[in-house]
Amino acid sequence: MQTQNRLLDDLARVASGAIGVAAGMRGEIEARLREQFEKILLQMDLVGREEFDAVKAMAAKARTEQEDLAKRVAVLEQRLKAQGEPGGKATSPRKRSAKPAD
């Protein structure tokens, strides 16, 4: 009976040793994979978060300015149309003659 317990003890030690080795291998594999991913990401020349946020803010500002300018142009066009309607005080631009001045 003692031999069976000794055999089981030996098997338990071997199993726990194998688990320890597997855990060590797992850590080593994770470290190697992390290194490889970092190397790949560096080669991809990706934009950093700070740069991305700065460009995003610039684009939002440009969009807002463009919308404001579009509104201003619409107002100016309405004013021009109102001036050009019959009964309005519109002045038509004079046509220049094709004659050269002497």
PDB file of N, CA and C in Angstrom:
ATOM      1  N   MET A   1       0.812  -1.186   0.000  1.00  0.00           N
ATOM      2  CA  MET A   1       0.000   0.000   0.000  1.00  0.00           C
ATOM      3  C   MET A   1       0.857   1.252   0.000  1.00  0.00           C
ATOM      4  N   GLN A   2       1.977   1.164   0.638  1.00  0.00           N
ATOM      5  CA  GLN A   2       2.864   2.298   0.698  1.00  0.00           C
ATOM      6  C   GLN A   2       3.436   2.612  -0.680  1.00  0.00           C
ATOM      7  N   THR A   3       3.672   1.601  -1.489  1.00  0.00           N
ATOM      8  CA  THR A   3       4.213   1.828  -2.819  1.00  0.00           C
ATOM      9  C   THR A   3       3.231   2.583  -3.692  1.00  0.00           C
ATOM     10  N   GLN A   4       1.942   2.311  -3.517  1.00  0.00           N
ATOM     11  CA  GLN A   4       0.935   3.037  -4.302  1.00  0.00           C
ATOM     12  C   GLN A   4       0.920   4.513  -3.923  1.00  0.00           C
ATOM     13  N   ASN A   5       1.033   4.799  -2.636  1.00  0.00           N
ATOM     14  CA  ASN A   5       1.043   6.195  -2.190  1.00  0.00           C
ATOM     15  C   ASN A   5       2.288   6.904  -2.709  1.00  0.00           C
ATOM     16  N   ARG A   6       3.400   6.180  -2.706  1.00  0.00           N
ATOM     17  CA  ARG A   6       4.628   6.764  -3.216  1.00  0.00           C
ATOM     18  C   ARG A   6       4.527   7.030  -4.718  1.00  0.00           C
ATOM     19  N   LEU A   7       3.903   6.123  -5.414  1.00  0.00           N
ATOM     20  CA  LEU A   7       3.707   6.301  -6.851  1.00  0.00           C
ATOM     21  C   LEU A   7       2.809   7.511  -7.116  1.00  0.00           C
ATOM     22  N   LEU A   8       1.740   7.637  -6.354  1.00  0.00           N
ATOM     23  CA  LEU A   8       0.839   8.774  -6.523  1.00  0.00           C
ATOM     24  C   LEU A   8       1.547  10.073  -6.154  1.00  0.00           C
ATOM     25  N   ASP A   9       2.370  10.035  -5.108  1.00  0.00           N
ATOM     26  CA  ASP A   9       3.132  11.229  -4.727  1.00  0.00           C
ATOM     27  C   ASP A   9       4.084  11.639  -5.846  1.00  0.00           C
ATOM     28  N   ASP A  10       4.746  10.658  -6.427  1.00  0.00           N
ATOM     29  CA  ASP A  10       5.662  10.957  -7.533  1.00  0.00           C
ATOM     30  C   ASP A  10       4.903  11.527  -8.738  1.00  0.00           C
ATOM     31  N   LEU A  11       3.765  10.952  -9.056  1.00  0.00           N
ATOM     32  CA  LEU A  11       2.947  11.453 -10.154  1.00  0.00           C
ATOM     33  C   LEU A  11       2.476  12.883  -9.870  1.00  0.00           C
ATOM     34  N   ALA A  12       2.108  13.157  -8.639  1.00  0.00           N
ATOM     35  CA  ALA A  12       1.663  14.498  -8.268  1.00  0.00           C
ATOM     36  C   ALA A  12       2.809  15.489  -8.412  1.00  0.00           C
ATOM     37  N   ARG A  13       4.014  15.092  -8.015  1.00  0.00           N
ATOM     38  CA  ARG A  13       5.172  15.978  -8.152  1.00  0.00           C
ATOM     39  C   ARG A  13       5.483  16.244  -9.621  1.00  0.00           C
ATOM     40  N   VAL A  14       5.414  15.214 -10.423  1.00  0.00           N
ATOM     41  CA  VAL A  14       5.679  15.373 -11.851  1.00  0.00           C
ATOM     42  C   VAL A  14       4.622  16.284 -12.477  1.00  0.00           C
ATOM     43  N   ALA A  15       3.363  16.062 -12.086  1.00  0.00           N
ATOM     44  CA  ALA A  15       2.281  16.875 -12.637  1.00  0.00           C
ATOM     45  C   ALA A  15       2.450  18.339 -12.212  1.00  0.00           C
ATOM     46  N   SER A  16       2.762  18.582 -10.960  1.00  0.00           N
ATOM     47  CA  SER A  16       2.926  19.969 -10.517  1.00  0.00           C
ATOM     48  C   SER A  16       4.144  20.610 -11.176  1.00  0.00           C
ATOM     49  N   GLY A  17       5.187  19.834 -11.398  1.00  0.00           N
ATOM     50  CA  GLY A  17       6.349  20.347 -12.117  1.00  0.00           C
ATOM     51  C   GLY A  17       5.999  20.697 -13.553  1.00  0.00           C
ATOM     52  N   ALA A  18       5.191  19.859 -14.177  1.00  0.00           N
ATOM     53  CA  ALA A  18       4.768  20.109 -15.556  1.00  0.00           C
ATOM     54  C   ALA A  18       3.899  21.361 -15.630  1.00  0.00           C
ATOM     55  N   ILE A  19       3.066  21.539 -14.637  1.00  0.00           N
ATOM     56  CA  ILE A  19       2.221  22.738 -14.602  1.00  0.00           C
ATOM     57  C   ILE A  19       3.091  23.981 -14.442  1.00  0.00           C
ATOM     58  N   GLY A  20       4.108  23.902 -13.601  1.00  0.00           N
ATOM     59  CA  GLY A  20       5.019  25.027 -13.422  1.00  0.00           C
ATOM     60  C   GLY A  20       5.762  25.361 -14.705  1.00  0.00           C
ATOM     61  N   VAL A  21       6.212  24.318 -15.402  1.00  0.00           N
ATOM     62  CA  VAL A  21       6.906  24.528 -16.668  1.00  0.00           C
ATOM     63  C   VAL A  21       5.947  25.138 -17.692  1.00  0.00           C
ATOM     64  N   ALA A  22       4.715  24.648 -17.723  1.00  0.00           N
ATOM     65  CA  ALA A  22       3.727  25.179 -18.671  1.00  0.00           C
ATOM     66  C   ALA A  22       3.449  26.652 -18.374  1.00  0.00           C
ATOM     67  N   ALA A  23       3.364  26.995 -17.092  1.00  0.00           N
ATOM     68  CA  ALA A  23       3.114  28.399 -16.737  1.00  0.00           C
ATOM     69  C   ALA A  23       4.295  29.268 -17.159  1.00  0.00           C
ATOM     70  N   GLY A  24       5.508  28.769 -16.973  1.00  0.00           N
ATOM     71  CA  GLY A  24       6.693  29.508 -17.403  1.00  0.00           C
ATOM     72  C   GLY A  24       6.729  29.671 -18.907  1.00  0.00           C
ATOM     73  N   MET A  25       6.385  28.616 -19.615  1.00  0.00           N
ATOM     74  CA  MET A  25       6.349  28.691 -21.076  1.00  0.00           C
ATOM     75  C   MET A  25       5.287  29.686 -21.541  1.00  0.00           C
ATOM     76  N   ARG A  26       4.165  29.692 -20.838  1.00  0.00           N
ATOM     77  CA  ARG A  26       3.095  30.616 -21.206  1.00  0.00           C
ATOM     78  C   ARG A  26       3.586  32.063 -21.070  1.00  0.00           C
ATOM     79  N   GLY A  27       4.243  32.365 -19.973  1.00  0.00           N
ATOM     80  CA  GLY A  27       4.778  33.710 -19.769  1.00  0.00           C
ATOM     81  C   GLY A  27       5.791  34.070 -20.844  1.00  0.00           C
ATOM     82  N   GLU A  28       6.651  33.111 -21.194  1.00  0.00           N
ATOM     83  CA  GLU A  28       7.660  33.353 -22.233  1.00  0.00           C
ATOM     84  C   GLU A  28       7.005  33.582 -23.591  1.00  0.00           C
ATOM     85  N   ILE A  29       6.015  32.787 -23.909  1.00  0.00           N
ATOM     86  CA  ILE A  29       5.310  32.937 -25.194  1.00  0.00           C
ATOM     87  C   ILE A  29       4.601  34.289 -25.256  1.00  0.00           C
ATOM     88  N   GLU A  30       3.948  34.683 -24.160  1.00  0.00           N
ATOM     89  CA  GLU A  30       3.267  35.981 -24.139  1.00  0.00           C
ATOM     90  C   GLU A  30       4.256  37.124 -24.332  1.00  0.00           C
ATOM     91  N   ALA A  31       5.415  37.020 -23.690  1.00  0.00           N
ATOM     92  CA  ALA A  31       6.426  38.072 -23.831  1.00  0.00           C
ATOM     93  C   ALA A  31       6.924  38.151 -25.276  1.00  0.00           C
ATOM     94  N   ARG A  32       7.162  37.008 -25.892  1.00  0.00           N
ATOM     95  CA  ARG A  32       7.627  36.993 -27.288  1.00  0.00           C
ATOM     96  C   ARG A  32       6.565  37.556 -28.234  1.00  0.00           C
ATOM     97  N   LEU A  33       5.317  37.160 -28.024  1.00  0.00           N
ATOM     98  CA  LEU A  33       4.242  37.676 -28.872  1.00  0.00           C
ATOM     99  C   LEU A  33       4.100  39.186 -28.706  1.00  0.00           C
ATOM    100  N   ARG A  34       4.189  39.669 -27.478  1.00  0.00           N
ATOM    101  CA  ARG A  34       4.092  41.107 -27.229  1.00  0.00           C
ATOM    102  C   ARG A  34       5.212  41.851 -27.962  1.00  0.00           C
ATOM    103  N   GLU A  35       6.419  41.316 -27.910  1.00  0.00           N
ATOM    104  CA  GLU A  35       7.545  41.931 -28.619  1.00  0.00           C
ATOM    105  C   GLU A  35       7.290  41.983 -30.122  1.00  0.00           C
ATOM    106  N   GLN A  36       6.784  40.887 -30.668  1.00  0.00           N
ATOM    107  CA  GLN A  36       6.513  40.835 -32.103  1.00  0.00           C
ATOM    108  C   GLN A  36       5.423  41.828 -32.503  1.00  0.00           C
ATOM    109  N   PHE A  37       4.362  41.905 -31.709  1.00  0.00           N
ATOM    110  CA  PHE A  37       3.290  42.871 -32.011  1.00  0.00           C
ATOM    111  C   PHE A  37       3.797  44.300 -31.938  1.00  0.00           C
ATOM    112  N   GLU A  38       4.613  44.603 -30.952  1.00  0.00           N
ATOM    113  CA  GLU A  38       5.168  45.951 -30.842  1.00  0.00           C
ATOM    114  C   GLU A  38       6.039  46.279 -32.053  1.00  0.00           C
ATOM    115  N   LYS A  39       6.828  45.307 -32.487  1.00  0.00           N
ATOM    116  CA  LYS A  39       7.689  45.515 -33.656  1.00  0.00           C
ATOM    117  C   LYS A  39       6.838  45.764 -34.908  1.00  0.00           C
ATOM    118  N   ILE A  40       5.790  44.989 -35.072  1.00  0.00           N
ATOM    119  CA  ILE A  40       4.902  45.153 -36.230  1.00  0.00           C
ATOM    120  C   ILE A  40       4.220  46.512 -36.191  1.00  0.00           C
ATOM    121  N   LEU A  41       3.738  46.915 -35.019  1.00  0.00           N
ATOM    122  CA  LEU A  41       3.056  48.206 -34.899  1.00  0.00           C
ATOM    123  C   LEU A  41       4.007  49.365 -35.179  1.00  0.00           C
ATOM    124  N   LEU A  42       5.250  49.247 -34.763  1.00  0.00           N
ATOM    125  CA  LEU A  42       6.221  50.299 -35.046  1.00  0.00           C
ATOM    126  C   LEU A  42       6.494  50.410 -36.541  1.00  0.00           C
ATOM    127  N   GLN A  43       6.512  49.287 -37.229  1.00  0.00           N
ATOM    128  CA  GLN A  43       6.758  49.293 -38.668  1.00  0.00           C
ATOM    129  C   GLN A  43       5.571  49.846 -39.444  1.00  0.00           C
ATOM    130  N   MET A  44       4.369  49.797 -38.853  1.00  0.00           N
ATOM    131  CA  MET A  44       3.169  50.259 -39.549  1.00  0.00           C
ATOM    132  C   MET A  44       3.077  51.777 -39.570  1.00  0.00           C
ATOM    133  N   ASP A  45       3.880  52.456 -38.809  1.00  0.00           N
ATOM    134  CA  ASP A  45       3.907  53.923 -38.786  1.00  0.00           C
ATOM    135  C   ASP A  45       2.511  54.488 -38.504  1.00  0.00           C
ATOM    136  N   LEU A  46       1.932  54.053 -37.401  1.00  0.00           N
ATOM    137  CA  LEU A  46       0.606  54.499 -37.007  1.00  0.00           C
ATOM    138  C   LEU A  46       0.676  55.859 -36.317  1.00  0.00           C
ATOM    139  N   VAL A  47      -0.440  56.545 -36.318  1.00  0.00           N
ATOM    140  CA  VAL A  47      -0.528  57.864 -35.704  1.00  0.00           C
ATOM    141  C   VAL A  47      -0.802  57.691 -34.210  1.00  0.00           C
ATOM    142  N   GLY A  48      -0.154  58.540 -33.426  1.00  0.00           N
ATOM    143  CA  GLY A  48      -0.384  58.503 -31.994  1.00  0.00           C
ATOM    144  C   GLY A  48      -1.716  59.126 -31.625  1.00  0.00           C
ATOM    145  N   ARG A  49      -2.185  58.836 -30.429  1.00  0.00           N
ATOM    146  CA  ARG A  49      -3.488  59.336 -29.977  1.00  0.00           C
ATOM    147  C   ARG A  49      -3.502  60.865 -29.914  1.00  0.00           C
ATOM    148  N   GLU A  50      -2.416  61.460 -29.450  1.00  0.00           N
ATOM    149  CA  GLU A  50      -2.361  62.922 -29.335  1.00  0.00           C
ATOM    150  C   GLU A  50      -2.467  63.587 -30.707  1.00  0.00           C
ATOM    151  N   GLU A  51      -1.739  63.040 -31.689  1.00  0.00           N
ATOM    152  CA  GLU A  51      -1.811  63.584 -33.045  1.00  0.00           C
ATOM    153  C   GLU A  51      -3.210  63.443 -33.620  1.00  0.00           C
ATOM    154  N   PHE A  52      -3.811  62.273 -33.388  1.00  0.00           N
ATOM    155  CA  PHE A  52      -5.156  62.013 -33.892  1.00  0.00           C
ATOM    156  C   PHE A  52      -6.150  63.004 -33.303  1.00  0.00           C
ATOM    157  N   ASP A  53      -6.075  63.225 -31.995  1.00  0.00           N
ATOM    158  CA  ASP A  53      -6.988  64.157 -31.338  1.00  0.00           C
ATOM    159  C   ASP A  53      -6.796  65.581 -31.854  1.00  0.00           C
ATOM    160  N   ALA A  54      -5.533  65.972 -32.112  1.00  0.00           N
ATOM    161  CA  ALA A  54      -5.271  67.318 -32.619  1.00  0.00           C
ATOM    162  C   ALA A  54      -5.862  67.501 -34.014  1.00  0.00           C
ATOM    163  N   VAL A  55      -5.676  66.535 -34.877  1.00  0.00           N
ATOM    164  CA  VAL A  55      -6.218  66.624 -36.240  1.00  0.00           C
ATOM    165  C   VAL A  55      -7.740  66.575 -36.215  1.00  0.00           C
ATOM    166  N   LYS A  56      -8.282  65.781 -35.319  1.00  0.00           N
ATOM    167  CA  LYS A  56      -9.740  65.695 -35.187  1.00  0.00           C
ATOM    168  C   LYS A  56     -10.316  67.049 -34.763  1.00  0.00           C
ATOM    169  N   ALA A  57      -9.656  67.718 -33.832  1.00  0.00           N
ATOM    170  CA  ALA A  57     -10.109  69.044 -33.391  1.00  0.00           C
ATOM    171  C   ALA A  57     -10.008  70.052 -34.530  1.00  0.00           C
ATOM    172  N   MET A  58      -8.920  69.981 -35.301  1.00  0.00           N
ATOM    173  CA  MET A  58      -8.764  70.888 -36.437  1.00  0.00           C
ATOM    174  C   MET A  58      -9.870  70.656 -37.470  1.00  0.00           C
ATOM    175  N   ALA A  59     -10.200  69.410 -37.727  1.00  0.00           N
ATOM    176  CA  ALA A  59     -11.246  69.095 -38.701  1.00  0.00           C
ATOM    177  C   ALA A  59     -12.602  69.589 -38.214  1.00  0.00           C
ATOM    178  N   ALA A  60     -12.874  69.440 -36.926  1.00  0.00           N
ATOM    179  CA  ALA A  60     -14.144  69.913 -36.378  1.00  0.00           C
ATOM    180  C   ALA A  60     -14.236  71.436 -36.489  1.00  0.00           C
ATOM    181  N   LYS A  61     -13.137  72.125 -36.218  1.00  0.00           N
ATOM    182  CA  LYS A  61     -13.124  73.585 -36.318  1.00  0.00           C
ATOM    183  C   LYS A  61     -13.332  74.015 -37.771  1.00  0.00           C
ATOM    184  N   ALA A  62     -12.656  73.349 -38.702  1.00  0.00           N
ATOM    185  CA  ALA A  62     -12.802  73.681 -40.121  1.00  0.00           C
ATOM    186  C   ALA A  62     -14.238  73.440 -40.584  1.00  0.00           C
ATOM    187  N   ARG A  63     -14.830  72.368 -40.105  1.00  0.00           N
ATOM    188  CA  ARG A  63     -16.218  72.059 -40.465  1.00  0.00           C
ATOM    189  C   ARG A  63     -17.162  73.150 -39.971  1.00  0.00           C
ATOM    190  N   THR A  64     -16.966  73.591 -38.734  1.00  0.00           N
ATOM    191  CA  THR A  64     -17.801  74.644 -38.167  1.00  0.00           C
ATOM    192  C   THR A  64     -17.636  75.939 -38.952  1.00  0.00           C
ATOM    193  N   GLU A  65     -16.399  76.285 -39.274  1.00  0.00           N
ATOM    194  CA  GLU A  65     -16.151  77.510 -40.051  1.00  0.00           C
ATOM    195  C   GLU A  65     -16.787  77.420 -41.437  1.00  0.00           C
ATOM    196  N   GLN A  66     -16.701  76.263 -42.046  1.00  0.00           N
ATOM    197  CA  GLN A  66     -17.295  76.069 -43.375  1.00  0.00           C
ATOM    198  C   GLN A  66     -18.806  76.228 -43.307  1.00  0.00           C
ATOM    199  N   GLU A  67     -19.436  75.693 -42.277  1.00  0.00           N
ATOM    200  CA  GLU A  67     -20.889  75.832 -42.135  1.00  0.00           C
ATOM    201  C   GLU A  67     -21.272  77.294 -41.909  1.00  0.00           C
ATOM    202  N   ASP A  68     -20.479  78.010 -41.100  1.00  0.00           N
ATOM    203  CA  ASP A  68     -20.737  79.437 -40.871  1.00  0.00           C
ATOM    204  C   ASP A  68     -20.612  80.230 -42.171  1.00  0.00           C
ATOM    205  N   LEU A  69     -19.576  79.934 -42.942  1.00  0.00           N
ATOM    206  CA  LEU A  69     -19.396  80.635 -44.228  1.00  0.00           C
ATOM    207  C   LEU A  69     -20.531  80.329 -45.197  1.00  0.00           C
ATOM    208  N   ALA A  70     -21.010  79.091 -45.193  1.00  0.00           N
ATOM    209  CA  ALA A  70     -22.128  78.726 -46.070  1.00  0.00           C
ATOM    210  C   ALA A  70     -23.376  79.522 -45.689  1.00  0.00           C
ATOM    211  N   LYS A  71     -23.597  79.723 -44.395  1.00  0.00           N
ATOM    212  CA  LYS A  71     -24.745  80.522 -43.957  1.00  0.00           C
ATOM    213  C   LYS A  71     -24.588  81.981 -44.395  1.00  0.00           C
ATOM    214  N   ARG A  72     -23.380  82.510 -44.256  1.00  0.00           N
ATOM    215  CA  ARG A  72     -23.144  83.891 -44.665  1.00  0.00           C
ATOM    216  C   ARG A  72     -23.366  84.073 -46.162  1.00  0.00           C
ATOM    217  N   VAL A  73     -22.902  83.120 -46.959  1.00  0.00           N
ATOM    218  CA  VAL A  73     -23.090  83.188 -48.413  1.00  0.00           C
ATOM    219  C   VAL A  73     -24.578  83.134 -48.748  1.00  0.00           C
ATOM    220  N   ALA A  74     -25.330  82.284 -48.042  1.00  0.00           N
ATOM    221  CA  ALA A  74     -26.767  82.194 -48.300  1.00  0.00           C
ATOM    222  C   ALA A  74     -27.457  83.523 -47.997  1.00  0.00           C
ATOM    223  N   VAL A  75     -27.072  84.162 -46.900  1.00  0.00           N
ATOM    224  CA  VAL A  75     -27.657  85.464 -46.547  1.00  0.00           C
ATOM    225  C   VAL A  75     -27.314  86.491 -47.611  1.00  0.00           C
ATOM    226  N   LEU A  76     -26.067  86.532 -48.050  1.00  0.00           N
ATOM    227  CA  LEU A  76     -25.655  87.489 -49.081  1.00  0.00           C
ATOM    228  C   LEU A  76     -26.385  87.237 -50.397  1.00  0.00           C
ATOM    229  N   GLU A  77     -26.582  85.977 -50.752  1.00  0.00           N
ATOM    230  CA  GLU A  77     -27.319  85.657 -51.979  1.00  0.00           C
ATOM    231  C   GLU A  77     -28.758  86.129 -51.886  1.00  0.00           C
ATOM    232  N   GLN A  78     -29.362  85.972 -50.704  1.00  0.00           N
ATOM    233  CA  GLN A  78     -30.733  86.446 -50.515  1.00  0.00           C
ATOM    234  C   GLN A  78     -30.800  87.961 -50.665  1.00  0.00           C
ATOM    235  N   ARG A  79     -29.801  88.648 -50.136  1.00  0.00           N
ATOM    236  CA  ARG A  79     -29.776  90.109 -50.269  1.00  0.00           C
ATOM    237  C   ARG A  79     -29.649  90.513 -51.740  1.00  0.00           C
ATOM    238  N   LEU A  80     -28.794  89.826 -52.473  1.00  0.00           N
ATOM    239  CA  LEU A  80     -28.623  90.137 -53.892  1.00  0.00           C
ATOM    240  C   LEU A  80     -29.906  89.876 -54.669  1.00  0.00           C
ATOM    241  N   LYS A  81     -30.581  88.797 -54.352  1.00  0.00           N
ATOM    242  CA  LYS A  81     -31.841  88.493 -55.030  1.00  0.00           C
ATOM    243  C   LYS A  81     -32.882  89.560 -54.715  1.00  0.00           C
ATOM    244  N   ALA A  82     -32.916  90.008 -53.474  1.00  0.00           N
ATOM    245  CA  ALA A  82     -33.884  91.031 -53.074  1.00  0.00           C
ATOM    246  C   ALA A  82     -33.599  92.343 -53.794  1.00  0.00           C
ATOM    247  N   GLN A  83     -32.368  92.661 -54.006  1.00  0.00           N
ATOM    248  CA  GLN A  83     -32.012  93.890 -54.709  1.00  0.00           C
ATOM    249  C   GLN A  83     -32.314  93.784 -56.191  1.00  0.00           C
ATOM    250  N   GLY A  84     -32.224  92.606 -56.740  1.00  0.00           N
ATOM    251  CA  GLY A  84     -32.406  92.420 -58.176  1.00  0.00           C
ATOM    252  C   GLY A  84     -33.842  92.250 -58.598  1.00  0.00           C
ATOM    253  N   GLU A  85     -34.792  92.129 -57.675  1.00  0.00           N
ATOM    254  CA  GLU A  85     -36.197  91.942 -58.030  1.00  0.00           C
ATOM    255  C   GLU A  85     -36.783  93.230 -58.591  1.00  0.00           C
ATOM    256  N   PRO A  86     -37.786  93.098 -59.483  1.00  0.00           N
ATOM    257  CA  PRO A  86     -38.432  94.304 -60.033  1.00  0.00           C
ATOM    258  C   PRO A  86     -39.073  95.108 -58.905  1.00  0.00           C
ATOM    259  N   GLY A  87     -38.983  96.410 -59.020  1.00  0.00           N
ATOM    260  CA  GLY A  87     -39.526  97.272 -57.984  1.00  0.00           C
ATOM    261  C   GLY A  87     -38.512  97.544 -56.894  1.00  0.00           C
ATOM    262  N   GLY A  88     -37.442  96.800 -56.916  1.00  0.00           N
ATOM    263  CA  GLY A  88     -36.384  97.029 -55.943  1.00  0.00           C
ATOM    264  C   GLY A  88     -35.460  98.111 -56.463  1.00  0.00           C
ATOM    265  N   LYS A  89     -34.558  98.514 -55.664  1.00  0.00           N
ATOM    266  CA  LYS A  89     -33.629  99.571 -56.062  1.00  0.00           C
ATOM    267  C   LYS A  89     -32.312  98.960 -56.532  1.00  0.00           C
ATOM    268  N   ALA A  90     -32.426  98.005 -57.384  1.00  0.00           N
ATOM    269  CA  ALA A  90     -31.214  97.347 -57.870  1.00  0.00           C
ATOM    270  C   ALA A  90     -30.582  98.177 -58.968  1.00  0.00           C
ATOM    271  N   THR A  91     -29.311  98.180 -58.961  1.00  0.00           N
ATOM    272  CA  THR A  91     -28.570  98.844 -60.034  1.00  0.00           C
ATOM    273  C   THR A  91     -27.854  97.760 -60.801  1.00  0.00           C
ATOM    274  N   SER A  92     -28.135  97.693 -62.086  1.00  0.00           N
ATOM    275  CA  SER A  92     -27.473  96.680 -62.884  1.00  0.00           C
ATOM    276  C   SER A  92     -26.085  97.181 -63.250  1.00  0.00           C
ATOM    277  N   PRO A  93     -25.155  96.304 -63.307  1.00  0.00           N
ATOM    278  CA  PRO A  93     -23.812  96.727 -63.685  1.00  0.00           C
ATOM    279  C   PRO A  93     -23.807  97.192 -65.137  1.00  0.00           C
ATOM    280  N   ARG A  94     -23.054  98.253 -65.413  1.00  0.00           N
ATOM    281  CA  ARG A  94     -22.967  98.796 -66.773  1.00  0.00           C
ATOM    282  C   ARG A  94     -22.064  97.908 -67.613  1.00  0.00           C
ATOM    283  N   LYS A  95     -22.487  97.751 -68.845  1.00  0.00           N
ATOM    284  CA  LYS A  95     -21.658  96.983 -69.758  1.00  0.00           C
ATOM    285  C   LYS A  95     -20.637  97.926 -70.370  1.00  0.00           C
ATOM    286  N   ARG A  96     -19.431  97.489 -70.421  1.00  0.00           N
ATOM    287  CA  ARG A  96     -18.398  98.294 -71.036  1.00  0.00           C
ATOM    288  C   ARG A  96     -18.389  98.039 -72.531  1.00  0.00           C
ATOM    289  N   SER A  97     -18.072  99.057 -73.264  1.00  0.00           N
ATOM    290  CA  SER A  97     -18.019  98.894 -74.712  1.00  0.00           C
ATOM    291  C   SER A  97     -16.760  98.141 -75.096  1.00  0.00           C
ATOM    292  N   ALA A  98     -16.848  97.481 -76.208  1.00  0.00           N
ATOM    293  CA  ALA A  98     -15.718  96.707 -76.676  1.00  0.00           C
ATOM    294  C   ALA A  98     -14.678  97.570 -77.378  1.00  0.00           C
ATOM    295  N   LYS A  99     -14.983  98.893 -77.515  1.00  0.00           N
ATOM    296  CA  LYS A  99     -14.056  99.805 -78.162  1.00  0.00           C
ATOM    297  C   LYS A  99     -12.870 100.081 -77.273  1.00  0.00           C
ATOM    298  N   PRO A 100     -11.700  99.985 -77.821  1.00  0.00           N
ATOM    299  CA  PRO A 100     -10.529 100.352 -77.012  1.00  0.00           C
ATOM    300  C   PRO A 100     -10.451 101.863 -76.882  1.00  0.00           C
ATOM    301  N   ALA A 101      -9.999 102.319 -75.775  1.00  0.00           N
ATOM    302  CA  ALA A 101      -9.863 103.771 -75.557  1.00  0.00           C
ATOM    303  C   ALA A 101      -8.661 104.283 -76.316  1.00  0.00           C
ATOM    304  N   ASP A 102      -8.833 105.489 -76.948  1.00  0.00           N
ATOM    305  CA  ASP A 102      -7.699 106.052 -77.715  1.00  0.00           C
ATOM    306  C   ASP A 102      -6.917 106.987 -76.893  1.00  0.00           C
TER     307      ASP A 102
END
